[in-house]
PDB file of N, CA and C in Angstrom:
ATOM      1  N   MET A   1     -25.519  54.035 -13.877  1.00  0.00           N
ATOM      2  CA  MET A   1     -25.714  54.167 -15.310  1.00  0.00           C
ATOM      3  C   MET A   1     -24.408  54.651 -15.944  1.00  0.00           C
ATOM      4  N   THR A   2     -24.022  54.015 -17.035  1.00  0.00           N
ATOM      5  CA  THR A   2     -22.799  54.424 -17.713  1.00  0.00           C
ATOM      6  C   THR A   2     -23.134  55.359 -18.871  1.00  0.00           C
ATOM      7  N   ASN A   3     -22.221  56.213 -19.180  1.00  0.00           N
ATOM      8  CA  ASN A   3     -22.367  57.115 -20.311  1.00  0.00           C
ATOM      9  C   ASN A   3     -21.861  56.366 -21.552  1.00  0.00           C
ATOM     10  N   GLN A   4     -22.776  55.935 -22.392  1.00  0.00           N
ATOM     11  CA  GLN A   4     -22.415  55.126 -23.556  1.00  0.00           C
ATOM     12  C   GLN A   4     -21.557  55.886 -24.565  1.00  0.00           C
ATOM     13  N   ASN A   5     -21.776  57.191 -24.699  1.00  0.00           N
ATOM     14  CA  ASN A   5     -20.946  57.972 -25.616  1.00  0.00           C
ATOM     15  C   ASN A   5     -19.504  58.022 -25.134  1.00  0.00           C
ATOM     16  N   LEU A   6     -19.316  58.222 -23.841  1.00  0.00           N
ATOM     17  CA  LEU A   6     -17.968  58.232 -23.274  1.00  0.00           C
ATOM     18  C   LEU A   6     -17.318  56.868 -23.433  1.00  0.00           C
ATOM     19  N   LYS A   7     -18.077  55.819 -23.159  1.00  0.00           N
ATOM     20  CA  LYS A   7     -17.545  54.466 -23.289  1.00  0.00           C
ATOM     21  C   LYS A   7     -17.087  54.202 -24.728  1.00  0.00           C
ATOM     22  N   ARG A   8     -17.907  54.572 -25.697  1.00  0.00           N
ATOM     23  CA  ARG A   8     -17.532  54.384 -27.105  1.00  0.00           C
ATOM     24  C   ARG A   8     -16.272  55.170 -27.456  1.00  0.00           C
ATOM     25  N   THR A   9     -16.170  56.383 -26.941  1.00  0.00           N
ATOM     26  CA  THR A   9     -15.004  57.224 -27.230  1.00  0.00           C
ATOM     27  C   THR A   9     -13.731  56.620 -26.643  1.00  0.00           C
ATOM     28  N   ILE A  10     -13.812  56.169 -25.404  1.00  0.00           N
ATOM     29  CA  ILE A  10     -12.629  55.567 -24.759  1.00  0.00           C
ATOM     30  C   ILE A  10     -12.231  54.279 -25.476  1.00  0.00           C
ATOM     31  N   LEU A  11     -13.218  53.443 -25.821  1.00  0.00           N
ATOM     32  CA  LEU A  11     -12.895  52.203 -26.533  1.00  0.00           C
ATOM     33  C   LEU A  11     -12.335  52.503 -27.928  1.00  0.00           C
ATOM     34  N   ALA A  12     -12.805  53.561 -28.570  1.00  0.00           N
ATOM     35  CA  ALA A  12     -12.247  53.960 -29.868  1.00  0.00           C
ATOM     36  C   ALA A  12     -10.797  54.398 -29.698  1.00  0.00           C
ATOM     37  N   THR A  13     -10.495  55.048 -28.593  1.00  0.00           N
ATOM     38  CA  THR A  13      -9.115  55.459 -28.316  1.00  0.00           C
ATOM     39  C   THR A  13      -8.227  54.232 -28.129  1.00  0.00           C
ATOM     40  N   VAL A  14      -8.727  53.239 -27.410  1.00  0.00           N
ATOM     41  CA  VAL A  14      -7.978  51.987 -27.241  1.00  0.00           C
ATOM     42  C   VAL A  14      -7.749  51.342 -28.610  1.00  0.00           C
ATOM     43  N   ASP A  15      -8.797  51.293 -29.445  1.00  0.00           N
ATOM     44  CA  ASP A  15      -8.646  50.732 -30.794  1.00  0.00           C
ATOM     45  C   ASP A  15      -7.591  51.499 -31.592  1.00  0.00           C
ATOM     46  N   ASN A  16      -7.588  52.823 -31.481  1.00  0.00           N
ATOM     47  CA  ASN A  16      -6.583  53.635 -32.173  1.00  0.00           C
ATOM     48  C   ASN A  16      -5.176  53.307 -31.687  1.00  0.00           C
ATOM     49  N   GLN A  17      -5.024  53.163 -30.374  1.00  0.00           N
ATOM     50  CA  GLN A  17      -3.709  52.828 -29.828  1.00  0.00           C
ATOM     51  C   GLN A  17      -3.229  51.487 -30.375  1.00  0.00           C
ATOM     52  N   ILE A  18      -4.148  50.532 -30.468  1.00  0.00           N
ATOM     53  CA  ILE A  18      -3.791  49.200 -30.971  1.00  0.00           C
ATOM     54  C   ILE A  18      -3.455  49.270 -32.457  1.00  0.00           C
ATOM     55  N   ARG A  19      -4.295  49.932 -33.234  1.00  0.00           N
ATOM     56  CA  ARG A  19      -4.089  50.034 -34.682  1.00  0.00           C
ATOM     57  C   ARG A  19      -2.786  50.749 -35.012  1.00  0.00           C
ATOM     58  N   GLU A  20      -2.515  51.844 -34.303  1.00  0.00           N
ATOM     59  CA  GLU A  20      -1.319  52.643 -34.577  1.00  0.00           C
ATOM     60  C   GLU A  20      -0.085  52.133 -33.833  1.00  0.00           C
ATOM     61  N   ASN A  21      -0.305  51.139 -32.966  1.00  0.00           N
ATOM     62  CA  ASN A  21       0.772  50.592 -32.138  1.00  0.00           C
ATOM     63  C   ASN A  21       1.478  51.702 -31.371  1.00  0.00           C
ATOM     64  N   ASN A  22       0.668  52.598 -30.796  1.00  0.00           N
ATOM     65  CA  ASN A  22       1.195  53.742 -30.054  1.00  0.00           C
ATOM     66  C   ASN A  22       0.308  54.034 -28.855  1.00  0.00           C
ATOM     67  N   PRO A  23       0.737  53.711 -27.669  1.00  0.00           N
ATOM     68  CA  PRO A  23       2.006  53.070 -27.330  1.00  0.00           C
ATOM     69  C   PRO A  23       1.936  51.553 -27.574  1.00  0.00           C
ATOM     70  N   PRO A  24       3.048  50.938 -27.886  1.00  0.00           N
ATOM     71  CA  PRO A  24       3.074  49.499 -28.175  1.00  0.00           C
ATOM     72  C   PRO A  24       2.542  48.632 -27.036  1.00  0.00           C
ATOM     73  N   ILE A  25       2.660  49.099 -25.812  1.00  0.00           N
ATOM     74  CA  ILE A  25       2.217  48.312 -24.657  1.00  0.00           C
ATOM     75  C   ILE A  25       0.722  48.003 -24.726  1.00  0.00           C
ATOM     76  N   THR A  26      -0.055  48.832 -25.419  1.00  0.00           N
ATOM     77  CA  THR A  26      -1.492  48.585 -25.508  1.00  0.00           C
ATOM     78  C   THR A  26      -1.765  47.300 -26.281  1.00  0.00           C
ATOM     79  N   ARG A  27      -1.135  47.151 -27.428  1.00  0.00           N
ATOM     80  CA  ARG A  27      -1.318  45.925 -28.224  1.00  0.00           C
ATOM     81  C   ARG A  27      -0.764  44.714 -27.475  1.00  0.00           C
ATOM     82  N   THR A  28       0.389  44.882 -26.871  1.00  0.00           N
ATOM     83  CA  THR A  28       0.993  43.792 -26.102  1.00  0.00           C
ATOM     84  C   THR A  28       0.058  43.350 -24.973  1.00  0.00           C
ATOM     85  N   THR A  29      -0.540  44.316 -24.298  1.00  0.00           N
ATOM     86  CA  THR A  29      -1.453  44.007 -23.196  1.00  0.00           C
ATOM     87  C   THR A  29      -2.693  43.293 -23.715  1.00  0.00           C
ATOM     88  N   LEU A  30      -3.234  43.739 -24.829  1.00  0.00           N
ATOM     89  CA  LEU A  30      -4.403  43.077 -25.411  1.00  0.00           C
ATOM     90  C   LEU A  30      -4.087  41.611 -25.695  1.00  0.00           C
ATOM     91  N   GLU A  31      -2.985  41.349 -26.346  1.00  0.00           N
ATOM     92  CA  GLU A  31      -2.616  39.969 -26.679  1.00  0.00           C
ATOM     93  C   GLU A  31      -2.379  39.139 -25.419  1.00  0.00           C
ATOM     94  N   ARG A  32      -1.734  39.722 -24.436  1.00  0.00           N
ATOM     95  CA  ARG A  32      -1.475  39.001 -23.179  1.00  0.00           C
ATOM     96  C   ARG A  32      -2.783  38.644 -22.479  1.00  0.00           C
ATOM     97  N   LEU A  33      -3.705  39.586 -22.413  1.00  0.00           N
ATOM     98  CA  LEU A  33      -4.980  39.331 -21.751  1.00  0.00           C
ATOM     99  C   LEU A  33      -5.790  38.274 -22.498  1.00  0.00           C
ATOM    100  N   LYS A  34      -5.733  38.296 -23.819  1.00  0.00           N
ATOM    101  CA  LYS A  34      -6.433  37.274 -24.600  1.00  0.00           C
ATOM    102  C   LYS A  34      -5.836  35.893 -24.327  1.00  0.00           C
ATOM    103  N   LYS A  35      -4.516  35.818 -24.191  1.00  0.00           N
ATOM    104  CA  LYS A  35      -3.868  34.537 -23.873  1.00  0.00           C
ATOM    105  C   LYS A  35      -4.264  34.045 -22.486  1.00  0.00           C
ATOM    106  N   LEU A  36      -4.601  34.992 -21.597  1.00  0.00           N
ATOM    107  CA  LEU A  36      -5.063  34.607 -20.253  1.00  0.00           C
ATOM    108  C   LEU A  36      -6.516  34.140 -20.260  1.00  0.00           C
ATOM    109  N   GLY A  37      -7.183  34.267 -21.409  1.00  0.00           N
ATOM    110  CA  GLY A  37      -8.538  33.759 -21.528  1.00  0.00           C
ATOM    111  C   GLY A  37      -9.636  34.805 -21.632  1.00  0.00           C
ATOM    112  N   TYR A  38      -9.268  36.067 -21.605  1.00  0.00           N
ATOM    113  CA  TYR A  38     -10.272  37.122 -21.748  1.00  0.00           C
ATOM    114  C   TYR A  38     -10.681  37.249 -23.211  1.00  0.00           C
ATOM    115  N   THR A  39     -11.945  37.576 -23.433  1.00  0.00           N
ATOM    116  CA  THR A  39     -12.368  37.881 -24.796  1.00  0.00           C
ATOM    117  C   THR A  39     -11.733  39.199 -25.202  1.00  0.00           C
ATOM    118  N   GLU A  40     -11.707  39.462 -26.493  1.00  0.00           N
ATOM    119  CA  GLU A  40     -11.137  40.732 -26.962  1.00  0.00           C
ATOM    120  C   GLU A  40     -11.918  41.909 -26.381  1.00  0.00           C
ATOM    121  N   LYS A  41     -13.235  41.768 -26.312  1.00  0.00           N
ATOM    122  CA  LYS A  41     -14.081  42.844 -25.781  1.00  0.00           C
ATOM    123  C   LYS A  41     -13.739  43.147 -24.324  1.00  0.00           C
ATOM    124  N   ILE A  42     -13.650  42.119 -23.505  1.00  0.00           N
ATOM    125  CA  ILE A  42     -13.342  42.312 -22.083  1.00  0.00           C
ATOM    126  C   ILE A  42     -11.926  42.842 -21.919  1.00  0.00           C
ATOM    127  N   ALA A  43     -10.996  42.329 -22.701  1.00  0.00           N
ATOM    128  CA  ALA A  43      -9.608  42.804 -22.608  1.00  0.00           C
ATOM    129  C   ALA A  43      -9.530  44.292 -22.939  1.00  0.00           C
ATOM    130  N   LYS A  44     -10.232  44.720 -23.975  1.00  0.00           N
ATOM    131  CA  LYS A  44     -10.229  46.134 -24.337  1.00  0.00           C
ATOM    132  C   LYS A  44     -10.888  46.980 -23.250  1.00  0.00           C
ATOM    133  N   GLU A  45     -11.937  46.455 -22.628  1.00  0.00           N
ATOM    134  CA  GLU A  45     -12.586  47.189 -21.541  1.00  0.00           C
ATOM    135  C   GLU A  45     -11.653  47.344 -20.348  1.00  0.00           C
ATOM    136  N   LYS A  46     -10.849  46.319 -20.075  1.00  0.00           N
ATOM    137  CA  LYS A  46      -9.880  46.423 -18.984  1.00  0.00           C
ATOM    138  C   LYS A  46      -8.818  47.476 -19.306  1.00  0.00           C
ATOM    139  N   ILE A  47      -8.360  47.499 -20.544  1.00  0.00           N
ATOM    140  CA  ILE A  47      -7.391  48.509 -20.974  1.00  0.00           C
ATOM    141  C   ILE A  47      -8.032  49.897 -20.894  1.00  0.00           C
ATOM    142  N   ALA A  48      -9.279  49.994 -21.317  1.00  0.00           N
ATOM    143  CA  ALA A  48      -9.997  51.270 -21.275  1.00  0.00           C
ATOM    144  C   ALA A  48     -10.105  51.797 -19.849  1.00  0.00           C
ATOM    145  N   ALA A  49     -10.307  50.906 -18.890  1.00  0.00           N
ATOM    146  CA  ALA A  49     -10.400  51.327 -17.483  1.00  0.00           C
ATOM    147  C   ALA A  49      -9.093  51.967 -17.033  1.00  0.00           C
ATOM    148  N   VAL A  50      -7.973  51.407 -17.471  1.00  0.00           N
ATOM    149  CA  VAL A  50      -6.663  51.981 -17.136  1.00  0.00           C
ATOM    150  C   VAL A  50      -6.502  53.335 -17.833  1.00  0.00           C
ATOM    151  N   LEU A  51      -6.952  53.420 -19.067  1.00  0.00           N
ATOM    152  CA  LEU A  51      -6.867  54.685 -19.800  1.00  0.00           C
ATOM    153  C   LEU A  51      -7.680  55.774 -19.097  1.00  0.00           C
ATOM    154  N   ILE A  52      -8.869  55.436 -18.652  1.00  0.00           N
ATOM    155  CA  ILE A  52      -9.703  56.399 -17.924  1.00  0.00           C
ATOM    156  C   ILE A  52      -8.992  56.849 -16.651  1.00  0.00           C
ATOM    157  N   GLU A  53      -8.383  55.916 -15.960  1.00  0.00           N
ATOM    158  CA  GLU A  53      -7.643  56.265 -14.738  1.00  0.00           C
ATOM    159  C   GLU A  53      -6.498  57.224 -15.050  1.00  0.00           C
ATOM    160  N   GLU A  54      -5.802  56.968 -16.145  1.00  0.00           N
ATOM    161  CA  GLU A  54      -4.684  57.839 -16.538  1.00  0.00           C
ATOM    162  C   GLU A  54      -5.198  59.236 -16.906  1.00  0.00           C
ATOM    163  N   ILE A  55      -6.285  59.297 -17.645  1.00  0.00           N
ATOM    164  CA  ILE A  55      -6.868  60.592 -17.996  1.00  0.00           C
ATOM    165  C   ILE A  55      -7.273  61.346 -16.741  1.00  0.00           C
ATOM    166  N   TYR A  56      -7.890  60.639 -15.803  1.00  0.00           N
ATOM    167  CA  TYR A  56      -8.301  61.263 -14.543  1.00  0.00           C
ATOM    168  C   TYR A  56      -7.086  61.824 -13.796  1.00  0.00           C
ATOM    169  N   ASP A  57      -6.027  61.032 -13.692  1.00  0.00           N
ATOM    170  CA  ASP A  57      -4.818  61.488 -12.990  1.00  0.00           C
ATOM    171  C   ASP A  57      -4.235  62.740 -13.647  1.00  0.00           C
ATOM    172  N   VAL A  58      -4.189  62.747 -14.968  1.00  0.00           N
ATOM    173  CA  VAL A  58      -3.642  63.894 -15.700  1.00  0.00           C
ATOM    174  C   VAL A  58      -4.480  65.140 -15.414  1.00  0.00           C
ATOM    175  N   MET A  59      -5.789  64.985 -15.475  1.00  0.00           N
ATOM    176  CA  MET A  59      -6.671  66.141 -15.268  1.00  0.00           C
ATOM    177  C   MET A  59      -6.667  66.603 -13.808  1.00  0.00           C
ATOM    178  N   LYS A  60      -6.720  65.661 -12.897  1.00  0.00           N
ATOM    179  CA  LYS A  60      -6.761  66.000 -11.476  1.00  0.00           C
ATOM    180  C   LYS A  60      -5.499  66.735 -11.030  1.00  0.00           C
ATOM    181  N   ASN A  61      -4.367  66.249 -11.481  1.00  0.00           N
ATOM    182  CA  ASN A  61      -3.085  66.804 -11.049  1.00  0.00           C
ATOM    183  C   ASN A  61      -2.538  67.854 -11.994  1.00  0.00           C
ATOM    184  N   ASN A  62      -3.282  68.135 -13.065  1.00  0.00           N
ATOM    185  CA  ASN A  62      -2.830  69.101 -14.061  1.00  0.00           C
ATOM    186  C   ASN A  62      -1.385  68.795 -14.468  1.00  0.00           C
ATOM    187  N   ALA A  63      -1.171  67.511 -14.739  1.00  0.00           N
ATOM    188  CA  ALA A  63       0.174  67.031 -15.059  1.00  0.00           C
ATOM    189  C   ALA A  63       0.178  66.445 -16.469  1.00  0.00           C
ATOM    190  N   PRO A  64       1.331  66.345 -17.082  1.00  0.00           N
ATOM    191  CA  PRO A  64       1.393  65.751 -18.418  1.00  0.00           C
ATOM    192  C   PRO A  64       1.167  64.232 -18.364  1.00  0.00           C
ATOM    193  N   TYR A  65       0.754  63.697 -19.490  1.00  0.00           N
ATOM    194  CA  TYR A  65       0.603  62.249 -19.645  1.00  0.00           C
ATOM    195  C   TYR A  65       1.940  61.585 -19.358  1.00  0.00           C
ATOM    196  N   ASP A  66       1.893  60.502 -18.601  1.00  0.00           N
ATOM    197  CA  ASP A  66       3.099  59.784 -18.213  1.00  0.00           C
ATOM    198  C   ASP A  66       3.010  58.374 -18.799  1.00  0.00           C
ATOM    199  N   GLU A  67       3.666  58.169 -19.929  1.00  0.00           N
ATOM    200  CA  GLU A  67       3.578  56.872 -20.605  1.00  0.00           C
ATOM    201  C   GLU A  67       4.116  55.739 -19.745  1.00  0.00           C
ATOM    202  N   GLU A  68       5.132  55.985 -18.969  1.00  0.00           N
ATOM    203  CA  GLU A  68       5.679  54.930 -18.105  1.00  0.00           C
ATOM    204  C   GLU A  68       4.660  54.519 -17.046  1.00  0.00           C
ATOM    205  N   ARG A  69       3.978  55.479 -16.458  1.00  0.00           N
ATOM    206  CA  ARG A  69       2.945  55.164 -15.454  1.00  0.00           C
ATOM    207  C   ARG A  69       1.815  54.368 -16.115  1.00  0.00           C
ATOM    208  N   TYR A  70       1.378  54.796 -17.296  1.00  0.00           N
ATOM    209  CA  TYR A  70       0.331  54.105 -18.037  1.00  0.00           C
ATOM    210  C   TYR A  70       0.774  52.678 -18.368  1.00  0.00           C
ATOM    211  N   SER A  71       1.997  52.527 -18.832  1.00  0.00           N
ATOM    212  CA  SER A  71       2.521  51.206 -19.174  1.00  0.00           C
ATOM    213  C   SER A  71       2.584  50.309 -17.955  1.00  0.00           C
ATOM    214  N   LYS A  72       3.015  50.848 -16.836  1.00  0.00           N
ATOM    215  CA  LYS A  72       3.101  50.063 -15.611  1.00  0.00           C
ATOM    216  C   LYS A  72       1.722  49.550 -15.201  1.00  0.00           C
ATOM    217  N   LYS A  73       0.722  50.395 -15.309  1.00  0.00           N
ATOM    218  CA  LYS A  73      -0.646  49.976 -14.961  1.00  0.00           C
ATOM    219  C   LYS A  73      -1.148  48.893 -15.921  1.00  0.00           C
ATOM    220  N   LEU A  74      -0.835  49.046 -17.200  1.00  0.00           N
ATOM    221  CA  LEU A  74      -1.257  48.018 -18.158  1.00  0.00           C
ATOM    222  C   LEU A  74      -0.561  46.696 -17.876  1.00  0.00           C
ATOM    223  N   ARG A  75       0.722  46.745 -17.558  1.00  0.00           N
ATOM    224  CA  ARG A  75       1.452  45.505 -17.246  1.00  0.00           C
ATOM    225  C   ARG A  75       0.896  44.796 -16.014  1.00  0.00           C
ATOM    226  N   SER A  76       0.257  45.545 -15.123  1.00  0.00           N
ATOM    227  CA  SER A  76      -0.272  44.938 -13.894  1.00  0.00           C
ATOM    228  C   SER A  76      -1.655  44.311 -14.070  1.00  0.00           C
ATOM    229  N   LEU A  77      -2.279  44.508 -15.229  1.00  0.00           N
ATOM    230  CA  LEU A  77      -3.599  43.924 -15.452  1.00  0.00           C
ATOM    231  C   LEU A  77      -3.519  42.405 -15.477  1.00  0.00           C
ATOM    232  N   LYS A  78      -4.505  41.800 -14.839  1.00  0.00           N
ATOM    233  CA  LYS A  78      -4.596  40.329 -14.823  1.00  0.00           C
ATOM    234  C   LYS A  78      -5.991  39.906 -15.139  1.00  0.00           C
TER     235      LYS A  78
END
C-alpha cells in the first residue's frame, strides 16, 4: 500500500522543480523521458522515485543534498 499523501507531496515537489527550473535537470529529464515515449505522469513518477532516493540518502547518511548526485541519477533514467 502506498501513502497517497506522501506521493502527492513528492509529485508536488517535482512540479515545483519543473516550474521553478531548479534544478534545471528536472525539466530537462521530464522532456527527455517524454521524447522516449513516457506519458508526463509516468515521467514525473520516475523523477519522483529518484527524488525519494535522494531524500533517503540525505537522511540516512545525515549528509547535505548533493545536486550532482541527484542530477547523475536523473540523467540515468530510461
